[in-house]
Amino acid sequence: MTIQWFPGHMTKARRQIEEKLKLIDVVIELLDARIPLSSRNPMVDEILKDKPRLVLLNKNDLADPQVTAEWVRYFAEQGLPALPIDAFTGTHVKEICRE
């Protein structure tokens, strides 16, 4: 008997994402600016491979501005442009199209 730890709905969602990914040009990855790595799905890099991506650090009004700037640099070093935003107030949301 094989025990499967990965829930079926997650397998289905991953398969659907991989299918839809063929139809899109760029991915927007939305993370919590207070906990960017903890709010990130660990499978995203594997699924997206080399697909162009923009990382949005949401709730930046609740995060330390200096730490957020360090996260922006960190993601840039990974080859991922990042933009701190606040979706609730709309702060910096218009800049998404510029990236």
N, C-alpha and C. Protein backbone atom coordinates (compact mmCIF):
# COMPACT_ATOMS: atom_id res chain seq x y z
N MET A 1 0.84 -1.17 0.00
CA MET A 1 0.00 0.00 0.00
C MET A 1 0.89 1.25 0.00
N THR A 2 0.62 2.15 -0.93
CA THR A 2 1.37 3.39 -1.03
C THR A 2 0.61 4.51 -0.34
N ILE A 3 1.32 5.24 0.49
CA ILE A 3 0.71 6.39 1.15
C ILE A 3 1.08 7.63 0.35
N GLN A 4 0.06 8.34 -0.11
CA GLN A 4 0.31 9.54 -0.90
C GLN A 4 0.09 10.76 -0.01
N TRP A 5 1.17 11.51 0.22
CA TRP A 5 1.09 12.67 1.10
C TRP A 5 0.57 13.91 0.37
N PHE A 6 0.67 13.93 -0.95
CA PHE A 6 0.27 15.10 -1.73
C PHE A 6 -1.21 14.98 -2.05
N PRO A 7 -2.05 15.89 -1.53
CA PRO A 7 -3.50 15.78 -1.75
C PRO A 7 -3.87 15.85 -3.23
N GLY A 8 -4.90 15.14 -3.60
CA GLY A 8 -5.34 15.09 -4.99
C GLY A 8 -5.71 16.44 -5.57
N HIS A 9 -6.34 17.30 -4.76
CA HIS A 9 -6.72 18.62 -5.27
C HIS A 9 -5.50 19.47 -5.61
N MET A 10 -4.39 19.25 -4.90
CA MET A 10 -3.15 19.98 -5.19
C MET A 10 -2.54 19.49 -6.50
N THR A 11 -2.60 18.20 -6.73
CA THR A 11 -2.09 17.64 -7.99
C THR A 11 -2.90 18.18 -9.16
N LYS A 12 -4.21 18.23 -8.99
CA LYS A 12 -5.09 18.75 -10.04
C LYS A 12 -4.79 20.23 -10.30
N ALA A 13 -4.63 21.02 -9.25
CA ALA A 13 -4.35 22.46 -9.40
C ALA A 13 -3.01 22.67 -10.10
N ARG A 14 -2.00 21.89 -9.74
CA ARG A 14 -0.70 22.02 -10.39
C ARG A 14 -0.80 21.71 -11.88
N ARG A 15 -1.50 20.66 -12.22
CA ARG A 15 -1.68 20.28 -13.62
C ARG A 15 -2.41 21.38 -14.40
N GLN A 16 -3.43 21.98 -13.79
CA GLN A 16 -4.17 23.06 -14.45
C GLN A 16 -3.28 24.29 -14.65
N ILE A 17 -2.47 24.60 -13.66
CA ILE A 17 -1.55 25.74 -13.79
C ILE A 17 -0.58 25.49 -14.93
N GLU A 18 -0.02 24.31 -14.99
CA GLU A 18 0.94 23.99 -16.04
C GLU A 18 0.31 24.07 -17.43
N GLU A 19 -0.95 23.68 -17.54
CA GLU A 19 -1.65 23.78 -18.83
C GLU A 19 -1.89 25.24 -19.21
N LYS A 20 -2.37 26.04 -18.27
CA LYS A 20 -2.68 27.46 -18.54
C LYS A 20 -1.42 28.28 -18.77
N LEU A 21 -0.32 27.86 -18.19
CA LEU A 21 0.94 28.58 -18.31
C LEU A 21 1.39 28.73 -19.75
N LYS A 22 1.00 27.79 -20.58
CA LYS A 22 1.36 27.85 -22.00
C LYS A 22 0.69 29.03 -22.70
N LEU A 23 -0.40 29.54 -22.13
CA LEU A 23 -1.18 30.59 -22.76
C LEU A 23 -0.83 32.00 -22.29
N ILE A 24 0.04 32.12 -21.30
CA ILE A 24 0.33 33.44 -20.75
C ILE A 24 1.78 33.84 -21.00
N ASP A 25 2.01 35.16 -21.01
CA ASP A 25 3.34 35.69 -21.29
C ASP A 25 4.14 36.00 -20.03
N VAL A 26 3.46 36.40 -18.97
CA VAL A 26 4.15 36.78 -17.74
C VAL A 26 3.31 36.39 -16.53
N VAL A 27 3.99 36.04 -15.44
CA VAL A 27 3.33 35.63 -14.21
C VAL A 27 3.56 36.71 -13.16
N ILE A 28 2.51 37.05 -12.43
CA ILE A 28 2.63 37.94 -11.29
C ILE A 28 2.52 37.09 -10.03
N GLU A 29 3.59 37.09 -9.26
CA GLU A 29 3.62 36.31 -8.01
C GLU A 29 3.38 37.28 -6.86
N LEU A 30 2.29 37.10 -6.14
CA LEU A 30 1.90 37.99 -5.06
C LEU A 30 2.35 37.40 -3.72
N LEU A 31 3.21 38.15 -3.02
CA LEU A 31 3.72 37.71 -1.73
C LEU A 31 3.39 38.74 -0.66
N ASP A 32 3.42 38.33 0.58
CA ASP A 32 3.23 39.23 1.71
C ASP A 32 4.58 39.89 2.00
N ALA A 33 4.65 41.21 1.95
CA ALA A 33 5.91 41.93 2.15
C ALA A 33 6.51 41.68 3.52
N ARG A 34 5.70 41.30 4.49
CA ARG A 34 6.20 41.06 5.84
C ARG A 34 6.91 39.72 5.95
N ILE A 35 6.49 38.76 5.12
CA ILE A 35 7.07 37.41 5.18
C ILE A 35 7.19 36.82 3.76
N PRO A 36 8.00 37.43 2.91
CA PRO A 36 8.03 37.02 1.50
C PRO A 36 8.34 35.54 1.27
N LEU A 37 9.32 35.00 1.92
CA LEU A 37 9.65 33.60 1.66
C LEU A 37 8.63 32.65 2.27
N SER A 38 8.12 32.99 3.43
CA SER A 38 7.12 32.14 4.08
C SER A 38 5.79 32.14 3.35
N SER A 39 5.49 33.24 2.65
CA SER A 39 4.20 33.32 1.94
C SER A 39 4.31 32.79 0.52
N ARG A 40 5.45 32.26 0.18
CA ARG A 40 5.71 31.78 -1.18
C ARG A 40 5.47 30.28 -1.29
N ASN A 41 4.85 29.86 -2.38
CA ASN A 41 4.66 28.44 -2.62
C ASN A 41 6.00 27.86 -3.07
N PRO A 42 6.51 26.87 -2.38
CA PRO A 42 7.83 26.32 -2.72
C PRO A 42 7.90 25.67 -4.10
N MET A 43 6.78 25.37 -4.70
CA MET A 43 6.78 24.72 -6.01
C MET A 43 6.75 25.71 -7.18
N VAL A 44 6.59 27.00 -6.88
CA VAL A 44 6.42 27.98 -7.94
C VAL A 44 7.61 28.00 -8.90
N ASP A 45 8.82 28.03 -8.37
CA ASP A 45 10.01 28.06 -9.24
C ASP A 45 10.04 26.85 -10.17
N GLU A 46 9.73 25.71 -9.63
CA GLU A 46 9.74 24.46 -10.42
C GLU A 46 8.66 24.50 -11.51
N ILE A 47 7.49 25.00 -11.18
CA ILE A 47 6.38 25.03 -12.13
C ILE A 47 6.62 26.08 -13.22
N LEU A 48 7.09 27.26 -12.80
CA LEU A 48 7.23 28.36 -13.76
C LEU A 48 8.48 28.25 -14.63
N LYS A 49 9.49 27.58 -14.13
CA LYS A 49 10.76 27.44 -14.86
C LYS A 49 11.28 28.81 -15.29
N ASP A 50 11.37 29.08 -16.58
CA ASP A 50 11.94 30.33 -17.07
C ASP A 50 10.89 31.34 -17.52
N LYS A 51 9.66 31.14 -17.14
CA LYS A 51 8.58 32.07 -17.51
C LYS A 51 8.85 33.43 -16.86
N PRO A 52 8.76 34.53 -17.62
CA PRO A 52 8.95 35.86 -17.03
C PRO A 52 7.98 36.07 -15.86
N ARG A 53 8.51 36.73 -14.82
CA ARG A 53 7.72 36.87 -13.60
C ARG A 53 7.98 38.21 -12.95
N LEU A 54 6.95 38.77 -12.35
CA LEU A 54 7.05 39.97 -11.53
C LEU A 54 6.58 39.61 -10.13
N VAL A 55 7.40 39.89 -9.15
CA VAL A 55 7.06 39.61 -7.76
C VAL A 55 6.48 40.89 -7.15
N LEU A 56 5.27 40.79 -6.61
CA LEU A 56 4.65 41.91 -5.91
C LEU A 56 4.69 41.64 -4.42
N LEU A 57 5.26 42.57 -3.69
CA LEU A 57 5.34 42.46 -2.23
C LEU A 57 4.20 43.29 -1.64
N ASN A 58 3.08 42.63 -1.41
CA ASN A 58 1.87 43.30 -0.95
C ASN A 58 1.94 43.59 0.55
N LYS A 59 1.13 44.53 0.99
CA LYS A 59 1.06 44.97 2.38
C LYS A 59 2.37 45.62 2.81
N ASN A 60 3.02 46.32 1.87
CA ASN A 60 4.29 46.94 2.21
C ASN A 60 4.12 48.04 3.25
N ASP A 61 2.90 48.55 3.42
CA ASP A 61 2.66 49.56 4.46
C ASP A 61 2.79 48.97 5.86
N LEU A 62 2.67 47.66 5.97
CA LEU A 62 2.78 46.99 7.26
C LEU A 62 4.18 46.43 7.51
N ALA A 63 5.03 46.51 6.50
CA ALA A 63 6.38 45.96 6.61
C ALA A 63 7.39 47.08 6.83
N ASP A 64 8.53 46.73 7.36
CA ASP A 64 9.62 47.68 7.56
C ASP A 64 10.17 48.09 6.20
N PRO A 65 10.18 49.38 5.87
CA PRO A 65 10.62 49.83 4.55
C PRO A 65 12.05 49.41 4.20
N GLN A 66 12.96 49.43 5.18
CA GLN A 66 14.34 49.03 4.92
C GLN A 66 14.43 47.53 4.61
N VAL A 67 13.67 46.75 5.34
CA VAL A 67 13.67 45.30 5.11
C VAL A 67 13.04 45.00 3.75
N THR A 68 11.98 45.71 3.42
CA THR A 68 11.35 45.51 2.12
C THR A 68 12.32 45.85 0.99
N ALA A 69 13.08 46.91 1.14
CA ALA A 69 14.08 47.28 0.13
C ALA A 69 15.13 46.17 -0.02
N GLU A 70 15.48 45.54 1.09
CA GLU A 70 16.42 44.41 1.04
C GLU A 70 15.81 43.23 0.28
N TRP A 71 14.51 43.00 0.48
CA TRP A 71 13.83 41.92 -0.24
C TRP A 71 13.77 42.22 -1.73
N VAL A 72 13.55 43.47 -2.09
CA VAL A 72 13.54 43.85 -3.50
C VAL A 72 14.91 43.54 -4.11
N ARG A 73 15.98 43.88 -3.40
CA ARG A 73 17.34 43.57 -3.87
C ARG A 73 17.56 42.06 -3.96
N TYR A 74 17.08 41.33 -2.95
CA TYR A 74 17.23 39.87 -2.95
C TYR A 74 16.59 39.26 -4.19
N PHE A 75 15.35 39.64 -4.47
CA PHE A 75 14.67 39.08 -5.64
C PHE A 75 15.35 39.51 -6.94
N ALA A 76 15.86 40.74 -6.99
CA ALA A 76 16.60 41.20 -8.18
C ALA A 76 17.83 40.33 -8.41
N GLU A 77 18.52 39.96 -7.33
CA GLU A 77 19.68 39.08 -7.44
C GLU A 77 19.29 37.70 -7.97
N GLN A 78 18.05 37.30 -7.74
CA GLN A 78 17.53 36.02 -8.23
C GLN A 78 17.03 36.15 -9.67
N GLY A 79 17.12 37.36 -10.22
CA GLY A 79 16.64 37.60 -11.58
C GLY A 79 15.15 37.87 -11.66
N LEU A 80 14.57 38.24 -10.52
CA LEU A 80 13.12 38.49 -10.45
C LEU A 80 12.86 39.93 -10.05
N PRO A 81 12.30 40.73 -10.96
CA PRO A 81 11.96 42.10 -10.55
C PRO A 81 10.87 42.04 -9.48
N ALA A 82 11.00 42.90 -8.47
CA ALA A 82 10.03 42.93 -7.37
C ALA A 82 9.58 44.36 -7.14
N LEU A 83 8.32 44.50 -6.75
CA LEU A 83 7.73 45.81 -6.52
C LEU A 83 6.90 45.76 -5.25
N PRO A 84 7.23 46.63 -4.26
CA PRO A 84 6.38 46.69 -3.07
C PRO A 84 5.10 47.46 -3.39
N ILE A 85 3.97 46.92 -2.98
CA ILE A 85 2.67 47.55 -3.22
C ILE A 85 1.79 47.43 -1.99
N ASP A 86 0.69 48.15 -2.01
CA ASP A 86 -0.37 47.99 -1.02
C ASP A 86 -1.67 47.90 -1.81
N ALA A 87 -2.16 46.72 -2.01
CA ALA A 87 -3.36 46.52 -2.83
C ALA A 87 -4.60 47.15 -2.20
N PHE A 88 -4.62 47.27 -0.89
CA PHE A 88 -5.79 47.83 -0.21
C PHE A 88 -5.96 49.31 -0.54
N THR A 89 -4.87 50.08 -0.47
CA THR A 89 -4.95 51.51 -0.75
C THR A 89 -4.62 51.83 -2.20
N GLY A 90 -4.02 50.88 -2.91
CA GLY A 90 -3.64 51.11 -4.29
C GLY A 90 -2.26 51.71 -4.45
N THR A 91 -1.53 51.86 -3.35
CA THR A 91 -0.20 52.45 -3.39
C THR A 91 0.73 51.62 -4.28
N HIS A 92 1.30 52.26 -5.27
CA HIS A 92 2.26 51.69 -6.22
C HIS A 92 1.64 50.69 -7.19
N VAL A 93 0.34 50.48 -7.15
CA VAL A 93 -0.30 49.51 -8.04
C VAL A 93 -0.16 49.93 -9.50
N LYS A 94 -0.24 51.22 -9.79
CA LYS A 94 -0.10 51.68 -11.17
C LYS A 94 1.28 51.40 -11.74
N GLU A 95 2.27 51.23 -10.87
CA GLU A 95 3.63 50.95 -11.31
C GLU A 95 3.80 49.53 -11.87
N ILE A 96 2.84 48.68 -11.61
CA ILE A 96 2.92 47.29 -12.08
C ILE A 96 3.06 47.26 -13.60
N CYS A 97 2.30 48.08 -14.28
CA CYS A 97 2.35 48.11 -15.74
C CYS A 97 3.69 48.63 -16.28
N ARG A 98 4.39 49.40 -15.48
CA ARG A 98 5.69 49.93 -15.90
C ARG A 98 6.78 48.88 -15.81
N GLU A 99 6.60 47.92 -14.93
CA GLU A 99 7.60 46.87 -14.76
C GLU A 99 7.48 45.95 -15.92
